[in-house]
Amino acid sequence: MNNPIYDVSFAGSVITIGGSTITEFVDDSNPIDIQDTETCNIEWSCNGQMIRTVKPAAVILSITVIPGSASDNSLRRIWKERLCNGGSMNLSAANSNLNCSIRPGNPKFPSFTFSGGTCISGAAAVTANGQGKMGGNTYTFAFQEVT
């Protein structure tokens, strides 16, 4: 019996977000993570019938990159533009929607597009582990739509 071999490598993948191209991902953590997104709530009626109610929810996407890389600098710029720092912030950037596309390096996989987004968290500084190696910087975004 011939069992197929599937190439599920993320190598060569490109993420474009806020006009920046992100390609320098860490190798010791998840370079990209998309949380499960709930689409509805369910309840039961007194007659034992399931009732479904639509649940609006954001799509949460995290990107972890090599600290100090061009990708890190680009994501940090996006994060800083949306940071309320010392009581002030860049309102035009904070109120603008981000778009994101993920193009896997393997052409057998489709590209994904996210829109209506914002940066919700990011790395304020570098971190290090017990062996003295810097950890990847993670930036997290929320999007209204995915296609």
N, C-alpha and C. Protein backbone atom coordinates (compact mmCIF):
# COMPACT_ATOMS: atom_id res chain seq x y z
N MET A 1 0.84 -1.16 0.00
CA MET A 1 0.00 0.00 0.00
C MET A 1 0.90 1.24 0.00
N ASN A 2 0.62 2.15 -0.92
CA ASN A 2 1.39 3.40 -1.02
C ASN A 2 0.74 4.48 -0.17
N ASN A 3 1.47 4.92 0.82
CA ASN A 3 0.99 6.03 1.64
C ASN A 3 1.64 7.30 1.14
N PRO A 4 0.83 8.32 0.86
CA PRO A 4 1.42 9.57 0.36
C PRO A 4 2.20 10.29 1.44
N ILE A 5 3.18 11.05 1.03
CA ILE A 5 3.93 11.91 1.92
C ILE A 5 3.45 13.33 1.67
N TYR A 6 3.08 14.02 2.74
CA TYR A 6 2.56 15.38 2.63
C TYR A 6 3.62 16.37 3.09
N ASP A 7 3.79 17.43 2.32
CA ASP A 7 4.71 18.50 2.70
C ASP A 7 3.90 19.57 3.42
N VAL A 8 4.07 19.66 4.74
CA VAL A 8 3.34 20.65 5.53
C VAL A 8 4.30 21.68 6.13
N SER A 9 5.43 21.87 5.50
CA SER A 9 6.43 22.82 5.97
C SER A 9 5.93 24.25 5.79
N PHE A 10 6.29 25.11 6.75
CA PHE A 10 5.97 26.53 6.65
C PHE A 10 7.12 27.30 6.00
N ALA A 11 8.20 26.58 5.66
CA ALA A 11 9.38 27.21 5.05
C ALA A 11 8.99 27.93 3.76
N GLY A 12 9.52 29.11 3.60
CA GLY A 12 9.26 29.90 2.39
C GLY A 12 7.96 30.67 2.43
N SER A 13 7.23 30.61 3.54
CA SER A 13 5.96 31.33 3.64
C SER A 13 6.20 32.82 3.85
N VAL A 14 5.22 33.60 3.42
CA VAL A 14 5.31 35.06 3.51
C VAL A 14 4.01 35.58 4.11
N ILE A 15 4.14 36.46 5.10
CA ILE A 15 3.00 37.16 5.66
C ILE A 15 3.15 38.63 5.31
N THR A 16 2.09 39.23 4.80
CA THR A 16 2.08 40.66 4.54
C THR A 16 1.04 41.28 5.46
N ILE A 17 1.46 42.24 6.27
CA ILE A 17 0.54 42.89 7.21
C ILE A 17 0.88 44.36 7.32
N GLY A 18 -0.13 45.19 7.22
CA GLY A 18 0.09 46.63 7.32
C GLY A 18 1.10 47.14 6.33
N GLY A 19 1.18 46.54 5.15
CA GLY A 19 2.13 46.96 4.12
C GLY A 19 3.53 46.42 4.31
N SER A 20 3.78 45.64 5.36
CA SER A 20 5.10 45.08 5.63
C SER A 20 5.13 43.59 5.27
N THR A 21 6.26 43.16 4.73
CA THR A 21 6.46 41.75 4.40
C THR A 21 7.23 41.08 5.53
N ILE A 22 6.67 40.01 6.08
CA ILE A 22 7.24 39.32 7.22
C ILE A 22 7.72 37.94 6.75
N THR A 23 9.03 37.68 6.90
CA THR A 23 9.59 36.40 6.44
C THR A 23 10.56 35.78 7.43
N GLU A 24 10.92 36.49 8.49
CA GLU A 24 11.97 36.02 9.41
C GLU A 24 11.34 35.46 10.68
N PHE A 25 10.92 34.21 10.61
CA PHE A 25 10.22 33.56 11.70
C PHE A 25 11.19 32.78 12.59
N VAL A 26 10.82 32.63 13.86
CA VAL A 26 11.66 31.86 14.78
C VAL A 26 11.52 30.37 14.47
N ASP A 27 12.53 29.60 14.91
CA ASP A 27 12.48 28.14 14.67
C ASP A 27 12.24 27.36 15.95
N ASP A 28 12.17 28.03 17.10
CA ASP A 28 11.97 27.31 18.35
C ASP A 28 10.62 27.60 19.00
N SER A 29 9.71 28.15 18.25
CA SER A 29 8.37 28.47 18.72
C SER A 29 7.45 28.44 17.50
N ASN A 30 6.15 28.57 17.71
CA ASN A 30 5.23 28.62 16.58
C ASN A 30 5.39 29.95 15.86
N PRO A 31 5.80 29.94 14.60
CA PRO A 31 5.97 31.20 13.88
C PRO A 31 4.64 31.93 13.68
N ILE A 32 3.58 31.16 13.53
CA ILE A 32 2.25 31.76 13.39
C ILE A 32 1.26 30.87 14.13
N ASP A 33 0.34 31.51 14.81
CA ASP A 33 -0.67 30.77 15.56
C ASP A 33 -1.99 31.48 15.38
N ILE A 34 -3.00 30.74 15.00
CA ILE A 34 -4.34 31.29 14.86
C ILE A 34 -5.24 30.54 15.83
N GLN A 35 -5.80 31.28 16.78
CA GLN A 35 -6.65 30.65 17.78
C GLN A 35 -7.93 30.13 17.15
N ASP A 36 -8.48 29.07 17.74
CA ASP A 36 -9.81 28.62 17.32
C ASP A 36 -10.80 29.76 17.55
N THR A 37 -11.71 29.93 16.62
CA THR A 37 -12.69 31.01 16.70
C THR A 37 -14.08 30.41 16.82
N GLU A 38 -14.76 30.71 17.91
CA GLU A 38 -16.13 30.20 18.10
C GLU A 38 -17.06 30.95 17.16
N THR A 39 -17.98 30.20 16.54
CA THR A 39 -18.90 30.80 15.59
C THR A 39 -20.31 30.95 16.14
N CYS A 40 -20.63 30.18 17.20
CA CYS A 40 -21.98 30.26 17.73
C CYS A 40 -22.02 29.76 19.17
N ASN A 41 -23.12 30.07 19.83
CA ASN A 41 -23.43 29.50 21.14
C ASN A 41 -24.54 28.47 20.93
N ILE A 42 -24.56 27.46 21.76
CA ILE A 42 -25.68 26.51 21.68
C ILE A 42 -26.32 26.37 23.04
N GLU A 43 -27.62 26.18 23.03
CA GLU A 43 -28.41 25.96 24.23
C GLU A 43 -29.46 24.92 23.90
N TRP A 44 -30.17 24.51 24.89
CA TRP A 44 -31.23 23.53 24.70
C TRP A 44 -32.55 24.11 25.14
N SER A 45 -33.58 23.85 24.36
CA SER A 45 -34.92 24.30 24.75
C SER A 45 -35.49 23.31 25.78
N CYS A 46 -36.60 23.68 26.35
CA CYS A 46 -37.27 22.79 27.31
C CYS A 46 -37.74 21.49 26.65
N ASN A 47 -37.88 21.52 25.33
CA ASN A 47 -38.32 20.34 24.59
C ASN A 47 -37.14 19.50 24.09
N GLY A 48 -35.93 19.84 24.50
CA GLY A 48 -34.76 19.06 24.11
C GLY A 48 -34.22 19.37 22.73
N GLN A 49 -34.62 20.50 22.16
CA GLN A 49 -34.10 20.88 20.86
C GLN A 49 -32.91 21.82 21.04
N MET A 50 -31.91 21.62 20.21
CA MET A 50 -30.74 22.48 20.27
C MET A 50 -31.07 23.82 19.62
N ILE A 51 -30.65 24.89 20.28
CA ILE A 51 -30.84 26.24 19.76
C ILE A 51 -29.46 26.83 19.51
N ARG A 52 -29.28 27.33 18.33
CA ARG A 52 -28.00 27.93 17.92
C ARG A 52 -28.18 29.43 17.83
N THR A 53 -27.26 30.18 18.43
CA THR A 53 -27.26 31.63 18.27
C THR A 53 -25.90 32.04 17.74
N VAL A 54 -25.91 32.89 16.75
CA VAL A 54 -24.68 33.35 16.12
C VAL A 54 -23.89 34.17 17.13
N LYS A 55 -22.58 33.98 17.11
CA LYS A 55 -21.71 34.67 18.06
C LYS A 55 -20.65 35.44 17.28
N PRO A 56 -20.71 36.77 17.29
CA PRO A 56 -19.65 37.52 16.63
C PRO A 56 -18.33 37.33 17.39
N ALA A 57 -17.27 37.15 16.65
CA ALA A 57 -15.97 36.94 17.28
C ALA A 57 -14.86 37.37 16.33
N ALA A 58 -13.80 37.87 16.91
CA ALA A 58 -12.63 38.25 16.12
C ALA A 58 -11.77 37.03 15.86
N VAL A 59 -11.05 37.05 14.76
CA VAL A 59 -10.06 36.02 14.45
C VAL A 59 -8.74 36.53 15.03
N ILE A 60 -8.16 35.75 15.95
CA ILE A 60 -6.94 36.16 16.65
C ILE A 60 -5.75 35.44 16.03
N LEU A 61 -4.76 36.22 15.58
CA LEU A 61 -3.59 35.70 14.87
C LEU A 61 -2.34 36.23 15.55
N SER A 62 -1.41 35.34 15.89
CA SER A 62 -0.13 35.74 16.50
C SER A 62 1.01 35.36 15.57
N ILE A 63 1.98 36.26 15.46
CA ILE A 63 3.17 36.05 14.63
C ILE A 63 4.39 36.18 15.52
N THR A 64 5.29 35.19 15.49
CA THR A 64 6.51 35.25 16.28
C THR A 64 7.71 35.29 15.34
N VAL A 65 8.53 36.32 15.52
CA VAL A 65 9.65 36.57 14.61
C VAL A 65 10.97 36.64 15.37
N ILE A 66 12.05 36.61 14.61
CA ILE A 66 13.40 36.71 15.16
C ILE A 66 13.59 38.11 15.72
N PRO A 67 14.02 38.22 16.99
CA PRO A 67 14.21 39.54 17.58
C PRO A 67 15.28 40.35 16.85
N GLY A 68 14.99 41.64 16.61
CA GLY A 68 15.94 42.52 15.94
C GLY A 68 15.95 42.41 14.43
N SER A 69 15.18 41.49 13.87
CA SER A 69 15.14 41.32 12.41
C SER A 69 14.31 42.43 11.77
N ALA A 70 14.37 42.53 10.45
CA ALA A 70 13.56 43.51 9.73
C ALA A 70 12.07 43.24 9.97
N SER A 71 11.69 41.96 10.04
CA SER A 71 10.30 41.60 10.31
C SER A 71 9.89 42.08 11.71
N ASP A 72 10.77 41.90 12.70
CA ASP A 72 10.50 42.36 14.06
C ASP A 72 10.34 43.87 14.08
N ASN A 73 11.22 44.58 13.40
CA ASN A 73 11.14 46.05 13.35
C ASN A 73 9.84 46.52 12.71
N SER A 74 9.38 45.83 11.66
CA SER A 74 8.13 46.19 10.99
C SER A 74 6.93 45.96 11.91
N LEU A 75 6.90 44.80 12.58
CA LEU A 75 5.78 44.52 13.47
C LEU A 75 5.81 45.42 14.70
N ARG A 76 7.00 45.73 15.18
CA ARG A 76 7.12 46.64 16.32
C ARG A 76 6.59 48.04 15.97
N ARG A 77 6.85 48.48 14.75
CA ARG A 77 6.33 49.79 14.29
C ARG A 77 4.81 49.78 14.32
N ILE A 78 4.19 48.70 13.81
CA ILE A 78 2.73 48.59 13.82
C ILE A 78 2.21 48.60 15.25
N TRP A 79 2.89 47.84 16.13
CA TRP A 79 2.49 47.77 17.54
C TRP A 79 2.60 49.15 18.20
N LYS A 80 3.73 49.83 17.99
CA LYS A 80 3.97 51.13 18.63
C LYS A 80 2.98 52.19 18.15
N GLU A 81 2.56 52.10 16.88
CA GLU A 81 1.58 53.07 16.35
C GLU A 81 0.24 52.95 17.06
N ARG A 82 -0.04 51.80 17.64
CA ARG A 82 -1.33 51.57 18.30
C ARG A 82 -1.21 51.58 19.83
N LEU A 83 -0.04 51.89 20.34
CA LEU A 83 0.21 51.89 21.78
C LEU A 83 -0.11 53.26 22.38
N CYS A 84 -0.90 53.25 23.45
CA CYS A 84 -1.16 54.47 24.19
C CYS A 84 -0.01 54.62 25.18
N ASN A 85 0.96 55.43 24.82
CA ASN A 85 2.20 55.54 25.57
C ASN A 85 2.26 56.89 26.27
N GLY A 86 2.25 56.89 27.60
CA GLY A 86 2.30 58.14 28.34
C GLY A 86 1.07 59.00 28.14
N GLY A 87 -0.06 58.38 27.82
CA GLY A 87 -1.30 59.12 27.64
C GLY A 87 -1.51 59.67 26.25
N SER A 88 -0.58 59.41 25.34
CA SER A 88 -0.76 59.90 23.96
C SER A 88 -0.57 58.74 22.99
N MET A 89 -1.17 58.90 21.82
CA MET A 89 -1.04 57.87 20.79
C MET A 89 -1.27 58.47 19.42
N ASN A 90 -0.88 57.73 18.40
CA ASN A 90 -1.08 58.12 17.02
C ASN A 90 -2.51 57.73 16.63
N LEU A 91 -3.46 58.66 16.73
CA LEU A 91 -4.87 58.33 16.50
C LEU A 91 -5.15 57.86 15.08
N SER A 92 -4.49 58.42 14.09
CA SER A 92 -4.77 58.00 12.71
C SER A 92 -4.35 56.55 12.51
N ALA A 93 -3.21 56.14 13.06
CA ALA A 93 -2.78 54.74 12.95
C ALA A 93 -3.65 53.84 13.80
N ALA A 94 -3.97 54.28 15.02
CA ALA A 94 -4.77 53.46 15.93
C ALA A 94 -6.16 53.19 15.38
N ASN A 95 -6.70 54.13 14.62
CA ASN A 95 -8.05 53.97 14.07
C ASN A 95 -8.07 53.37 12.68
N SER A 96 -6.91 53.12 12.09
CA SER A 96 -6.88 52.52 10.75
C SER A 96 -6.93 51.00 10.86
N ASN A 97 -7.62 50.37 9.93
CA ASN A 97 -7.73 48.92 9.90
C ASN A 97 -6.53 48.29 9.21
N LEU A 98 -6.05 47.19 9.77
CA LEU A 98 -4.96 46.44 9.15
C LEU A 98 -5.53 45.32 8.29
N ASN A 99 -4.83 45.02 7.23
CA ASN A 99 -5.12 43.85 6.41
C ASN A 99 -3.91 42.94 6.47
N CYS A 100 -4.13 41.66 6.31
CA CYS A 100 -3.05 40.68 6.41
C CYS A 100 -3.30 39.57 5.39
N SER A 101 -2.22 39.09 4.80
CA SER A 101 -2.32 37.90 3.95
C SER A 101 -1.22 36.92 4.34
N ILE A 102 -1.56 35.65 4.30
CA ILE A 102 -0.61 34.59 4.57
C ILE A 102 -0.49 33.77 3.30
N ARG A 103 0.71 33.72 2.75
CA ARG A 103 0.98 32.95 1.54
C ARG A 103 1.95 31.83 1.90
N PRO A 104 1.43 30.60 2.07
CA PRO A 104 2.32 29.48 2.42
C PRO A 104 3.36 29.25 1.33
N GLY A 105 4.55 28.81 1.74
CA GLY A 105 5.62 28.52 0.79
C GLY A 105 5.29 27.35 -0.12
N ASN A 106 4.46 26.44 0.36
CA ASN A 106 4.04 25.30 -0.45
C ASN A 106 2.86 25.73 -1.32
N PRO A 107 3.01 25.72 -2.65
CA PRO A 107 1.96 26.22 -3.54
C PRO A 107 0.69 25.37 -3.53
N LYS A 108 0.71 24.18 -2.91
CA LYS A 108 -0.49 23.35 -2.84
C LYS A 108 -1.50 23.89 -1.82
N PHE A 109 -1.04 24.79 -0.93
CA PHE A 109 -1.92 25.35 0.08
C PHE A 109 -2.43 26.71 -0.39
N PRO A 110 -3.69 27.03 -0.08
CA PRO A 110 -4.23 28.33 -0.49
C PRO A 110 -3.67 29.46 0.36
N SER A 111 -3.77 30.68 -0.16
CA SER A 111 -3.44 31.87 0.62
C SER A 111 -4.65 32.25 1.45
N PHE A 112 -4.41 32.98 2.53
CA PHE A 112 -5.47 33.42 3.41
C PHE A 112 -5.39 34.93 3.54
N THR A 113 -6.55 35.58 3.58
CA THR A 113 -6.59 37.04 3.69
C THR A 113 -7.47 37.42 4.88
N PHE A 114 -6.97 38.34 5.69
CA PHE A 114 -7.68 38.84 6.86
C PHE A 114 -7.85 40.34 6.69
N SER A 115 -8.98 40.89 7.14
CA SER A 115 -9.20 42.33 7.00
C SER A 115 -9.91 42.88 8.22
N GLY A 116 -9.89 44.22 8.31
CA GLY A 116 -10.54 44.90 9.43
C GLY A 116 -9.84 44.63 10.75
N GLY A 117 -8.51 44.65 10.76
CA GLY A 117 -7.78 44.24 11.95
C GLY A 117 -7.09 45.35 12.71
N THR A 118 -6.59 44.96 13.87
CA THR A 118 -5.79 45.84 14.70
C THR A 118 -4.77 45.01 15.47
N CYS A 119 -3.73 45.66 15.94
CA CYS A 119 -2.72 45.00 16.77
C CYS A 119 -3.21 45.07 18.21
N ILE A 120 -3.29 43.92 18.90
CA ILE A 120 -3.79 43.92 20.27
C ILE A 120 -2.70 43.69 21.31
N SER A 121 -1.54 43.17 20.91
CA SER A 121 -0.43 43.03 21.86
C SER A 121 0.87 42.82 21.10
N GLY A 122 1.97 43.11 21.80
CA GLY A 122 3.27 42.93 21.19
C GLY A 122 4.36 42.96 22.24
N ALA A 123 5.57 42.68 21.79
CA ALA A 123 6.72 42.62 22.68
C ALA A 123 7.26 44.02 22.96
N ALA A 124 7.31 44.40 24.24
CA ALA A 124 7.83 45.71 24.60
C ALA A 124 9.36 45.72 24.61
N ALA A 125 9.97 44.55 24.78
CA ALA A 125 11.43 44.43 24.80
C ALA A 125 11.79 42.98 24.52
N VAL A 126 13.08 42.70 24.40
CA VAL A 126 13.51 41.33 24.14
C VAL A 126 13.42 40.50 25.43
N THR A 127 13.29 39.19 25.25
CA THR A 127 13.30 38.25 26.37
C THR A 127 14.44 37.27 26.15
N ALA A 128 14.79 36.53 27.19
CA ALA A 128 15.86 35.54 27.07
C ALA A 128 15.51 34.33 27.92
N ASN A 129 16.01 33.16 27.52
CA ASN A 129 15.79 31.95 28.30
C ASN A 129 16.98 31.70 29.23
N GLY A 130 16.93 30.61 29.96
CA GLY A 130 17.97 30.30 30.94
C GLY A 130 19.34 30.07 30.34
N GLN A 131 19.41 29.70 29.07
CA GLN A 131 20.69 29.50 28.40
C GLN A 131 21.24 30.79 27.79
N GLY A 132 20.51 31.88 27.96
CA GLY A 132 20.97 33.17 27.46
C GLY A 132 20.54 33.48 26.04
N LYS A 133 19.75 32.60 25.42
CA LYS A 133 19.28 32.85 24.05
C LYS A 133 18.04 33.74 24.09
N MET A 134 18.03 34.75 23.23
CA MET A 134 16.85 35.60 23.13
C MET A 134 15.68 34.80 22.57
N GLY A 135 14.51 35.10 23.09
CA GLY A 135 13.29 34.46 22.59
C GLY A 135 12.72 35.27 21.45
N GLY A 136 11.87 34.64 20.66
CA GLY A 136 11.20 35.35 19.58
C GLY A 136 10.23 36.38 20.11
N ASN A 137 9.99 37.42 19.35
CA ASN A 137 9.01 38.44 19.72
C ASN A 137 7.68 38.11 19.05
N THR A 138 6.63 38.07 19.87
CA THR A 138 5.30 37.72 19.39
C THR A 138 4.42 38.95 19.35
N TYR A 139 3.73 39.13 18.23
CA TYR A 139 2.77 40.22 18.03
C TYR A 139 1.43 39.58 17.70
N THR A 140 0.38 40.06 18.36
CA THR A 140 -0.95 39.45 18.21
C THR A 140 -1.92 40.47 17.63
N PHE A 141 -2.73 40.01 16.69
CA PHE A 141 -3.66 40.85 15.96
C PHE A 141 -5.06 40.24 16.04
N ALA A 142 -6.07 41.10 15.93
CA ALA A 142 -7.47 40.66 15.85
C ALA A 142 -8.04 41.17 14.55
N PHE A 143 -8.78 40.30 13.84
CA PHE A 143 -9.36 40.67 12.55
C PHE A 143 -10.86 40.40 12.54
N GLN A 144 -11.58 41.22 11.79
CA GLN A 144 -13.03 41.07 11.68
C GLN A 144 -13.43 40.03 10.64
N GLU A 145 -12.64 39.90 9.58
CA GLU A 145 -13.03 39.02 8.48
C GLU A 145 -11.85 38.18 8.00
N VAL A 146 -12.15 37.00 7.52
CA VAL A 146 -11.15 36.13 6.89
C VAL A 146 -11.76 35.57 5.62
N THR A 147 -10.94 35.53 4.54
CA THR A 147 -11.43 34.95 3.28
C THR A 147 -10.43 33.94 2.77
